[in-house]
Amino acid sequence: MRKGWSVVIGLWLIVWAGGSASARQEGRPTKNEISQAEFYLKKMEQHVQRLRGQSIKLTYDDNEALRRVKALKEKYPRDPQVEELFQRAQKALMATKGDFIEITPEMTAYRQIERKLNDLFYEETRKAWEPFLAQVTAEAGTILKAYPAESPRDRSLAEMVGRTVVLEDFQYPTNAFTAKGQEYVFCGSGTKGYYYVDIGGREWLGPYEAVKRYRRQVNGDIPEGGPWTLVGKITGSELLVPQAEKEKTVGAFWGWTVLPVAVYVPGRTFARFDPAAETGGRFAGEEKAEAIKGKFYTQTTVPDDIGPEDLVLLFATAIKEKNLPLFLACIDPERQKTPRARSRIMYHWDLHQERFARFYVHVTVEPAKVETIKGFAATGYDDFFLTEAQKAQVRKISESLVEEAVVWSKAWDERGRQYGSPKPHEVRRKETGRWYITDYAAQF
């Protein structure tokens, strides 16, 4: 009997061993192989999840997860567990490339609108600049060919002061410098002769601020640094060192000092100094700006019942369409009370314009989470346990109700890829009134 049982057991072991080998050949990985691959795959999935759609470079753990799953897939191509790991790895790897959406023509329409606005306002520029230049040309003594410049040693002040000069090589702030307590921009060179444009007064700030308003309201593609064309009046002569750096490496040169009258940005805009205007000047067509732009706006007011998510989207639309009144209407009035506060808002308006021009074209938002940060807002428990009279009493003794919502946005570039990581935006409302943007500086 013992011998018979030994034969039976021996045959069973042979069958089991053969079956095990057959199972491995048919694609059955060991539990250890699966668990090790899944360990690294989970770490990769967590890594991807933390970055919320942002494209990433693979870490050691990410590469290890993919290496192990790849080896299992090649060794056991038909195993269900391996296939599940493969599908998860495929999804995780795709996620490392960044989230993406389809960009439609409607999403990028604002860029076409900007080009149309530039054409419309350049027509206004042409109608103002050409007659102005003709008038300047007709003036006696106007210097249309600035170089080579007359030398202050050869010409008396009486001959030069009051003459109009057209400088086509004006570059600000590239050629700005300070001398004798005054700010200047030099035009010319040691061989051609110099003109020193005085930029320390309203005569310069008026036209320059008008050009900045054009950039904010019409077309952000203004070539900062020039060359622009500056028209001005000669006021005298000075011996100055035309260099911006503190450490001077060039010598002093005589040049004619010039007081600005107007600035022309080729292909863009034209601005004149206006001593009677509070702003000191206007760009061509500025008085018609909202009338010209208004036909392109998709929305002009903020609805009183707008929700936090829609407010953030409307805020983005105002930026894209260069609708400054709507942009300001989205922002908490408490943050616009002082000149300094308004100046800060305009600084961030410029930054928002640049980002939508260079980095992304569309914005989406996630559902907001609303919290009460002051006062009393009835919860489910309050509604269940307290009477209306009791709730009214609590409201009476509480501070004014202030609610805050955090809206997370995602920005998308023109290829449809997510730009950066999601960004939070804070909006608030008081006493169940209208929602307002409080952190207008937050980028998308």
Protein backbone atom coordinates (compact mmCIF):
# COMPACT_ATOMS: atom_id res chain seq x y z
CA MET A 1 0.00 0.00 0.00
CA ARG A 2 2.77 2.39 0.91
CA LYS A 3 4.41 1.75 -2.42
CA GLY A 4 1.09 2.32 -4.20
CA TRP A 5 0.49 5.61 -2.36
CA SER A 6 4.00 6.76 -3.18
CA VAL A 7 3.32 6.19 -6.85
CA VAL A 8 0.01 8.11 -6.65
CA ILE A 9 1.60 11.05 -4.78
CA GLY A 10 4.50 11.10 -7.21
CA LEU A 11 2.14 11.19 -10.18
CA TRP A 12 0.11 13.99 -8.51
CA LEU A 13 3.25 16.10 -7.91
CA ILE A 14 4.26 15.65 -11.53
CA VAL A 15 0.81 16.76 -12.67
CA TRP A 16 0.84 19.75 -10.26
CA ALA A 17 4.29 20.84 -11.34
CA GLY A 18 3.35 20.53 -14.95
CA GLY A 19 0.14 22.44 -14.38
CA SER A 20 1.99 25.20 -12.51
CA ALA A 21 4.51 25.51 -15.32
CA SER A 22 1.65 25.51 -17.80
CA ALA A 23 -0.11 28.25 -15.80
CA ARG A 24 2.99 30.41 -15.88
CA GLN A 25 3.31 29.79 -19.58
CA GLU A 26 -0.36 30.73 -20.05
CA GLY A 27 0.20 34.10 -18.25
CA ARG A 28 -0.42 33.85 -14.52
CA PRO A 29 1.86 36.23 -12.58
CA THR A 30 2.76 35.64 -8.97
CA LYS A 31 1.11 37.61 -6.19
CA ASN A 32 4.48 39.24 -5.43
CA GLU A 33 4.91 40.47 -9.01
CA ILE A 34 1.45 42.03 -8.96
CA SER A 35 1.82 43.66 -5.54
CA GLN A 36 5.21 45.21 -6.33
CA ALA A 37 3.98 46.69 -9.60
CA GLU A 38 0.81 48.00 -7.97
CA PHE A 39 2.81 49.57 -5.11
CA TYR A 40 4.69 51.82 -7.53
CA LEU A 41 1.64 52.40 -9.72
CA LYS A 42 -0.34 53.75 -6.76
CA LYS A 43 2.48 56.19 -6.01
CA MET A 44 2.40 57.36 -9.62
CA GLU A 45 -1.38 57.82 -9.51
CA GLN A 46 -1.08 59.86 -6.31
CA HIS A 47 1.65 62.00 -7.92
CA VAL A 48 -0.57 62.73 -10.91
CA GLN A 49 -3.58 63.47 -8.71
CA ARG A 50 -1.68 66.02 -6.60
CA LEU A 51 -0.79 68.07 -9.70
CA ARG A 52 -4.41 68.30 -10.87
CA GLY A 53 -3.93 68.24 -14.61
CA GLN A 54 -0.55 69.94 -14.85
CA SER A 55 1.99 68.31 -17.14
CA ILE A 56 4.91 66.76 -15.25
CA LYS A 57 8.25 65.05 -15.71
CA LEU A 58 8.39 61.41 -14.64
CA THR A 59 10.00 60.72 -11.27
CA TYR A 60 11.91 57.57 -10.24
CA ASP A 61 8.71 56.05 -8.82
CA ASP A 62 6.78 56.89 -12.01
CA ASN A 63 9.40 55.22 -14.18
CA GLU A 64 9.55 52.22 -11.88
CA ALA A 65 5.78 51.78 -12.06
CA LEU A 66 5.80 51.89 -15.86
CA ARG A 67 8.81 49.57 -16.09
CA ARG A 68 7.19 46.93 -13.89
CA VAL A 69 3.80 47.07 -15.61
CA LYS A 70 5.47 46.91 -19.03
CA ALA A 71 7.43 43.80 -17.98
CA LEU A 72 4.25 42.12 -16.69
CA LYS A 73 2.32 42.98 -19.85
CA GLU A 74 5.03 41.55 -22.08
CA LYS A 75 5.34 38.37 -19.94
CA TYR A 76 1.63 37.79 -19.23
CA PRO A 77 -0.26 39.53 -22.06
CA ARG A 78 -3.61 37.82 -21.42
CA ASP A 79 -3.80 37.93 -17.61
CA PRO A 80 -6.80 39.96 -16.31
CA GLN A 81 -4.89 41.42 -13.34
CA VAL A 82 -2.03 42.52 -15.58
CA GLU A 83 -4.49 44.04 -18.04
CA GLU A 84 -6.07 46.04 -15.23
CA LEU A 85 -2.66 47.37 -14.16
CA PHE A 86 -1.86 48.19 -17.80
CA GLN A 87 -5.06 50.21 -18.21
CA ARG A 88 -4.33 52.15 -15.01
CA ALA A 89 -0.73 52.79 -16.07
CA GLN A 90 -1.90 53.96 -19.49
CA LYS A 91 -4.33 56.43 -17.87
CA ALA A 92 -1.68 57.68 -15.43
CA LEU A 93 0.91 58.16 -18.17
CA MET A 94 -1.56 60.11 -20.29
CA ALA A 95 -2.34 62.29 -17.27
CA THR A 96 1.36 63.22 -16.92
CA LYS A 97 1.10 64.91 -20.33
CA GLY A 98 -1.33 67.40 -18.83
CA ASP A 99 -5.08 67.79 -18.98
CA PHE A 100 -6.50 69.04 -22.27
CA ILE A 101 -9.68 70.23 -23.94
CA GLU A 102 -10.72 71.10 -27.48
CA ILE A 103 -10.19 74.78 -28.23
CA THR A 104 -13.01 76.17 -30.37
CA PRO A 105 -12.90 79.30 -32.56
CA GLU A 106 -15.24 81.01 -30.09
CA MET A 107 -12.64 80.66 -27.33
CA THR A 108 -9.99 82.51 -29.32
CA ALA A 109 -12.32 85.04 -30.97
CA TYR A 110 -11.07 87.79 -28.66
CA ARG A 111 -7.67 87.70 -30.34
CA GLN A 112 -9.31 88.30 -33.71
CA ILE A 113 -11.29 91.13 -32.14
CA GLU A 114 -8.08 92.74 -30.89
CA ARG A 115 -6.73 92.75 -34.44
CA LYS A 116 -9.97 94.30 -35.70
CA LEU A 117 -9.82 96.95 -32.98
CA ASN A 118 -6.24 97.75 -33.91
CA ASP A 119 -7.32 98.32 -37.52
CA LEU A 120 -10.27 100.49 -36.48
CA PHE A 121 -8.22 102.62 -34.11
CA TYR A 122 -5.35 102.88 -36.53
CA GLU A 123 -7.77 104.48 -38.95
CA GLU A 124 -8.45 107.05 -36.21
CA THR A 125 -4.69 107.36 -35.75
CA ARG A 126 -4.10 107.95 -39.44
CA LYS A 127 -6.82 110.61 -39.59
CA ALA A 128 -5.18 112.47 -36.68
CA TRP A 129 -1.48 111.88 -37.37
CA GLU A 130 -1.35 112.76 -41.06
CA PRO A 131 -2.92 116.25 -40.70
CA PHE A 132 -0.79 116.90 -37.61
CA LEU A 133 2.41 115.96 -39.45
CA ALA A 134 1.35 118.12 -42.40
CA GLN A 135 0.81 121.05 -40.07
CA VAL A 136 4.21 120.52 -38.43
CA THR A 137 5.88 120.25 -41.83
CA ALA A 138 4.35 123.55 -42.90
CA GLU A 139 5.73 125.39 -39.86
CA ALA A 140 8.72 127.63 -40.49
CA GLY A 141 11.93 126.15 -39.12
CA THR A 142 10.65 122.61 -38.51
CA ILE A 143 13.47 120.05 -38.45
CA LEU A 144 12.19 116.98 -40.29
CA LYS A 145 15.65 115.52 -40.90
CA ALA A 146 17.03 115.40 -37.38
CA TYR A 147 20.50 114.10 -38.26
CA PRO A 148 23.19 115.13 -38.51
CA ALA A 149 22.12 117.49 -35.75
CA GLU A 150 23.19 121.10 -35.72
CA SER A 151 25.94 121.61 -33.17
CA PRO A 152 25.15 123.91 -30.23
CA ARG A 153 28.62 125.31 -30.77
CA ASP A 154 27.70 126.48 -34.27
CA ARG A 155 24.14 127.65 -33.66
CA SER A 156 22.92 130.22 -31.17
CA LEU A 157 20.00 129.49 -28.83
CA ALA A 158 18.04 132.27 -30.50
CA GLU A 159 18.23 130.37 -33.79
CA MET A 160 17.11 127.04 -32.34
CA VAL A 161 14.79 127.59 -29.37
CA GLY A 162 11.14 127.16 -30.30
CA ARG A 163 11.79 125.13 -33.43
CA THR A 164 9.89 121.87 -33.88
CA VAL A 165 11.89 118.67 -34.36
CA VAL A 166 10.68 115.21 -35.46
CA LEU A 167 12.70 112.40 -33.82
CA GLU A 168 12.02 108.99 -35.35
CA ASP A 169 14.44 107.11 -33.09
CA PHE A 170 12.85 107.84 -29.70
CA GLN A 171 13.30 104.80 -27.41
CA TYR A 172 11.78 104.79 -23.93
CA PRO A 173 12.73 103.43 -21.43
CA THR A 174 15.75 102.03 -23.28
CA ASN A 175 17.53 105.38 -23.64
CA ALA A 176 16.26 107.04 -20.46
CA PHE A 177 18.81 108.59 -18.10
CA THR A 178 19.05 111.11 -15.27
CA ALA A 179 21.32 114.15 -15.23
CA LYS A 180 21.39 117.29 -13.07
CA GLY A 181 18.25 116.13 -11.28
CA GLN A 182 16.28 115.86 -14.53
CA GLU A 183 15.05 112.86 -16.51
CA TYR A 184 15.83 112.65 -20.20
CA VAL A 185 15.72 110.26 -23.14
CA PHE A 186 18.60 110.67 -25.54
CA CYS A 187 18.16 110.42 -29.30
CA GLY A 188 21.10 110.24 -31.67
CA SER A 189 24.74 109.36 -31.14
CA GLY A 190 28.15 110.90 -30.81
CA THR A 191 28.63 110.92 -34.57
CA LYS A 192 25.12 112.07 -35.51
CA GLY A 193 24.63 114.55 -32.68
CA TYR A 194 22.26 114.40 -29.71
CA TYR A 195 18.80 115.55 -28.70
CA TYR A 196 17.82 115.25 -25.03
CA VAL A 197 14.05 114.82 -24.59
CA ASP A 198 12.84 116.13 -21.21
CA ILE A 199 10.50 113.51 -19.70
CA GLY A 200 10.16 115.06 -16.26
CA GLY A 201 6.86 116.89 -16.75
CA ARG A 202 3.27 116.71 -17.99
CA GLU A 203 4.39 117.31 -21.55
CA TRP A 204 5.75 113.76 -21.58
CA LEU A 205 3.49 112.04 -19.07
CA GLY A 206 0.31 113.20 -20.84
CA PRO A 207 1.04 111.51 -24.18
CA TYR A 208 2.80 108.53 -22.58
CA GLU A 209 -0.11 107.76 -20.23
CA ALA A 210 -2.43 108.02 -23.23
CA VAL A 211 -0.33 105.40 -25.04
CA LYS A 212 -0.61 103.18 -21.95
CA ARG A 213 -4.38 103.60 -21.97
CA TYR A 214 -4.39 102.57 -25.63
CA ARG A 215 -2.44 99.44 -24.68
CA ARG A 216 -4.91 98.65 -21.91
CA GLN A 217 -8.07 99.34 -23.86
CA VAL A 218 -7.25 98.47 -27.47
CA ASN A 219 -4.07 96.55 -28.24
CA GLY A 220 -1.50 95.20 -25.82
CA ASP A 221 1.00 94.68 -28.62
CA ILE A 222 2.81 97.99 -28.20
CA PRO A 223 6.56 97.74 -28.83
CA GLU A 224 7.85 98.92 -25.45
CA GLY A 225 11.25 100.51 -25.89
CA GLY A 226 10.50 101.92 -29.34
CA PRO A 227 11.50 103.14 -31.72
CA TRP A 228 8.64 105.63 -31.66
CA THR A 229 8.39 109.03 -33.34
CA LEU A 230 8.47 111.96 -30.94
CA VAL A 231 7.61 115.50 -31.98
CA GLY A 232 8.81 118.25 -29.69
CA LYS A 233 10.02 121.82 -29.31
CA ILE A 234 13.67 122.70 -28.78
CA THR A 235 14.08 124.56 -25.47
CA GLY A 236 17.86 124.95 -25.14
CA SER A 237 21.12 123.01 -25.05
CA GLU A 238 22.92 120.97 -22.38
CA LEU A 239 26.23 119.19 -21.87
CA LEU A 240 25.16 115.76 -20.58
CA VAL A 241 26.34 112.15 -20.35
CA PRO A 242 23.78 110.14 -22.39
CA GLN A 243 23.93 106.86 -20.47
CA ALA A 244 21.42 105.17 -18.16
CA GLU A 245 23.87 103.17 -16.03
CA LYS A 246 25.19 104.63 -12.78
CA GLU A 247 28.73 103.89 -13.80
CA LYS A 248 29.42 106.14 -16.77
CA THR A 249 31.57 104.73 -19.54
CA VAL A 250 31.01 107.44 -22.15
CA GLY A 251 31.88 111.11 -22.16
CA ALA A 252 29.66 114.18 -22.03
CA PHE A 253 28.14 115.54 -25.25
CA TRP A 254 26.39 118.74 -26.16
CA GLY A 255 22.83 118.27 -27.36
CA TRP A 256 19.58 120.15 -27.86
CA THR A 257 16.96 119.77 -25.11
CA VAL A 258 13.46 118.99 -26.38
CA LEU A 259 10.05 119.31 -24.72
CA PRO A 260 7.53 116.70 -26.00
CA VAL A 261 4.47 117.73 -27.98
CA ALA A 262 3.24 114.39 -29.36
CA VAL A 263 4.13 110.70 -29.67
CA TYR A 264 3.44 108.47 -32.67
CA VAL A 265 3.75 104.68 -32.33
CA PRO A 266 4.12 103.36 -35.91
CA GLY A 267 1.25 101.12 -36.93
CA ARG A 268 -0.52 101.62 -33.60
CA THR A 269 -1.48 104.97 -32.12
CA PHE A 270 -0.86 108.70 -31.86
CA ALA A 271 -1.10 110.77 -28.66
CA ARG A 272 -0.80 114.54 -28.15
CA PHE A 273 -0.13 116.62 -25.09
CA ASP A 274 -3.21 118.58 -23.98
CA PRO A 275 -2.42 121.10 -21.22
CA ALA A 276 -6.13 121.67 -20.53
CA ALA A 277 -6.93 118.00 -19.90
CA GLU A 278 -6.57 116.41 -16.46
CA THR A 279 -5.03 113.37 -18.09
CA GLY A 280 -2.54 115.56 -19.96
CA GLY A 281 -3.37 114.05 -23.33
CA ARG A 282 -5.43 111.62 -25.37
CA PHE A 283 -4.74 108.93 -27.91
CA ALA A 284 -6.41 109.16 -31.30
CA GLY A 285 -10.03 108.01 -31.08
CA GLU A 286 -10.00 107.79 -27.27
CA GLU A 287 -13.25 109.72 -26.97
CA LYS A 288 -14.88 107.07 -29.18
CA ALA A 289 -13.22 104.10 -27.49
CA GLU A 290 -16.21 102.56 -25.73
CA ALA A 291 -18.51 103.22 -28.70
CA ILE A 292 -16.09 101.45 -31.05
CA LYS A 293 -15.37 98.58 -28.68
CA GLY A 294 -18.95 98.17 -27.43
CA LYS A 295 -20.12 96.31 -30.53
CA PHE A 296 -17.65 93.51 -29.73
CA TYR A 297 -18.62 93.02 -26.07
CA THR A 298 -20.54 89.83 -25.28
CA GLN A 299 -21.70 91.17 -21.90
CA THR A 300 -21.64 94.66 -20.40
CA THR A 301 -23.13 94.32 -16.90
CA VAL A 302 -22.88 92.02 -13.89
CA PRO A 303 -26.25 90.41 -13.03
CA ASP A 304 -27.32 90.93 -9.41
CA ASP A 305 -28.03 87.22 -9.00
CA ILE A 306 -24.75 86.02 -10.50
CA GLY A 307 -23.15 83.04 -8.74
CA PRO A 308 -19.48 82.78 -7.68
CA GLU A 309 -18.49 80.52 -10.58
CA ASP A 310 -20.15 82.67 -13.24
CA LEU A 311 -18.61 85.79 -11.72
CA VAL A 312 -15.09 84.40 -12.14
CA LEU A 313 -15.88 83.43 -15.74
CA LEU A 314 -17.31 86.90 -16.41
CA PHE A 315 -14.18 88.43 -14.88
CA ALA A 316 -12.08 86.44 -17.36
CA THR A 317 -14.34 87.52 -20.24
CA ALA A 318 -13.92 91.19 -19.28
CA ILE A 319 -10.14 90.76 -19.46
CA LYS A 320 -10.22 88.93 -22.80
CA GLU A 321 -12.50 91.53 -24.39
CA LYS A 322 -10.60 94.47 -22.85
CA ASN A 323 -13.84 95.59 -21.19
CA LEU A 324 -12.41 97.70 -18.38
CA PRO A 325 -15.77 98.96 -17.02
CA LEU A 326 -16.99 95.37 -16.68
CA PHE A 327 -13.67 94.31 -15.13
CA LEU A 328 -14.05 97.01 -12.47
CA ALA A 329 -17.71 96.14 -11.90
CA CYS A 330 -16.66 92.60 -10.94
CA ILE A 331 -14.29 93.83 -8.20
CA ASP A 332 -15.29 94.64 -4.63
CA PRO A 333 -15.93 98.44 -4.47
CA GLU A 334 -14.14 98.55 -1.11
CA ARG A 335 -10.94 97.75 -2.98
CA GLN A 336 -11.32 100.67 -5.41
CA LYS A 337 -11.76 103.63 -3.08
CA THR A 338 -8.34 105.28 -3.15
CA PRO A 339 -6.10 106.41 -6.03
CA ARG A 340 -3.45 104.00 -4.84
CA ALA A 341 -5.95 101.12 -4.85
CA ARG A 342 -7.09 102.03 -8.36
CA SER A 343 -3.49 102.21 -9.53
CA ARG A 344 -2.85 98.72 -8.16
CA ILE A 345 -5.92 97.40 -9.96
CA MET A 346 -4.66 98.83 -13.25
CA TYR A 347 -1.26 97.23 -12.67
CA HIS A 348 -2.92 93.83 -12.38
CA TRP A 349 -5.21 94.60 -15.33
CA ASP A 350 -2.03 94.95 -17.41
CA LEU A 351 -0.69 91.63 -16.08
CA HIS A 352 -3.97 89.85 -16.85
CA GLN A 353 -3.90 91.28 -20.39
CA GLU A 354 -0.38 90.00 -20.93
CA ARG A 355 -1.22 86.50 -19.66
CA PHE A 356 -4.24 86.13 -21.94
CA ALA A 357 -2.15 87.39 -24.84
CA ARG A 358 0.84 85.09 -24.24
CA PHE A 359 0.00 82.08 -22.09
CA TYR A 360 -3.64 80.98 -22.27
CA VAL A 361 -6.86 81.59 -24.18
CA HIS A 362 -9.67 80.00 -22.18
CA VAL A 363 -10.75 79.48 -18.57
CA THR A 364 -12.97 76.89 -16.90
CA VAL A 365 -14.02 76.71 -13.25
CA GLU A 366 -14.95 74.08 -10.69
CA PRO A 367 -17.96 74.26 -8.34
CA ALA A 368 -17.40 76.76 -5.54
CA LYS A 369 -17.34 76.01 -1.85
CA VAL A 370 -19.23 78.70 0.10
CA GLU A 371 -18.49 79.41 3.78
CA THR A 372 -19.83 81.90 6.28
CA ILE A 373 -16.93 83.90 7.68
CA LYS A 374 -19.00 86.43 9.68
CA GLY A 375 -22.55 86.63 10.98
CA PHE A 376 -25.23 83.95 11.00
CA ALA A 377 -26.38 81.76 8.14
CA ALA A 378 -28.82 79.02 9.08
CA THR A 379 -27.55 75.45 8.71
CA GLY A 380 -29.55 72.27 8.41
CA TYR A 381 -29.44 71.80 12.19
CA ASP A 382 -30.54 75.41 12.73
CA ASP A 383 -33.51 74.90 10.45
CA PHE A 384 -34.42 71.65 12.19
CA PHE A 385 -34.11 72.72 15.83
CA LEU A 386 -34.66 76.51 15.90
CA THR A 387 -37.88 78.37 15.33
CA GLU A 388 -38.03 81.33 12.94
CA ALA A 389 -38.18 83.65 15.94
CA GLN A 390 -35.07 82.10 17.43
CA LYS A 391 -33.18 82.35 14.15
CA ALA A 392 -34.23 85.99 13.84
CA GLN A 393 -32.89 86.65 17.34
CA VAL A 394 -29.55 85.01 16.45
CA ARG A 395 -29.29 87.20 13.34
CA LYS A 396 -30.02 90.27 15.43
CA ILE A 397 -27.18 89.62 17.85
CA SER A 398 -24.70 88.46 15.19
CA GLU A 399 -22.34 90.53 13.04
CA SER A 400 -23.30 91.42 9.49
CA LEU A 401 -23.37 88.32 7.33
CA VAL A 402 -20.32 87.86 5.13
CA GLU A 403 -19.98 84.79 2.91
CA GLU A 404 -16.87 83.76 1.03
CA ALA A 405 -16.53 81.33 -1.88
CA VAL A 406 -13.35 79.88 -3.30
CA VAL A 407 -13.58 79.17 -7.03
CA TRP A 408 -10.81 77.08 -8.58
CA SER A 409 -10.04 77.87 -12.21
CA LYS A 410 -8.10 76.08 -14.92
CA ALA A 411 -6.46 77.95 -17.78
CA TRP A 412 -5.99 76.40 -21.22
CA ASP A 413 -3.52 77.39 -23.92
CA GLU A 414 -4.32 77.62 -27.63
CA ARG A 415 -3.30 73.98 -28.15
CA GLY A 416 -5.90 72.90 -25.60
CA ARG A 417 -3.40 71.95 -22.88
CA GLN A 418 -3.84 73.01 -19.29
CA TYR A 419 -1.54 75.91 -18.42
CA GLY A 420 0.05 75.47 -14.99
CA SER A 421 -1.98 74.24 -12.07
CA PRO A 422 -5.53 75.20 -11.00
CA LYS A 423 -5.72 78.60 -9.24
CA PRO A 424 -8.05 79.72 -6.41
CA HIS A 425 -10.14 82.90 -6.65
CA GLU A 426 -11.89 84.42 -3.63
CA VAL A 427 -15.28 86.08 -3.99
CA ARG A 428 -17.45 87.54 -1.24
CA ARG A 429 -20.88 88.91 -0.61
CA LYS A 430 -22.49 90.73 2.30
CA GLU A 431 -26.00 90.21 3.63
CA THR A 432 -26.87 87.91 0.70
CA GLY A 433 -26.17 90.76 -1.75
CA ARG A 434 -24.18 90.50 -4.96
CA TRP A 435 -20.96 88.54 -5.19
CA TYR A 436 -17.72 90.47 -5.84
CA ILE A 437 -14.15 89.47 -6.69
CA THR A 438 -11.83 90.27 -3.76
CA ASP A 439 -8.47 88.91 -4.93
CA TYR A 440 -8.43 90.42 -8.42
CA ALA A 441 -4.64 89.89 -8.55
CA ALA A 442 -4.97 86.10 -8.64
CA GLN A 443 -3.96 84.76 -12.03
CA PHE A 444 -5.80 82.05 -13.90
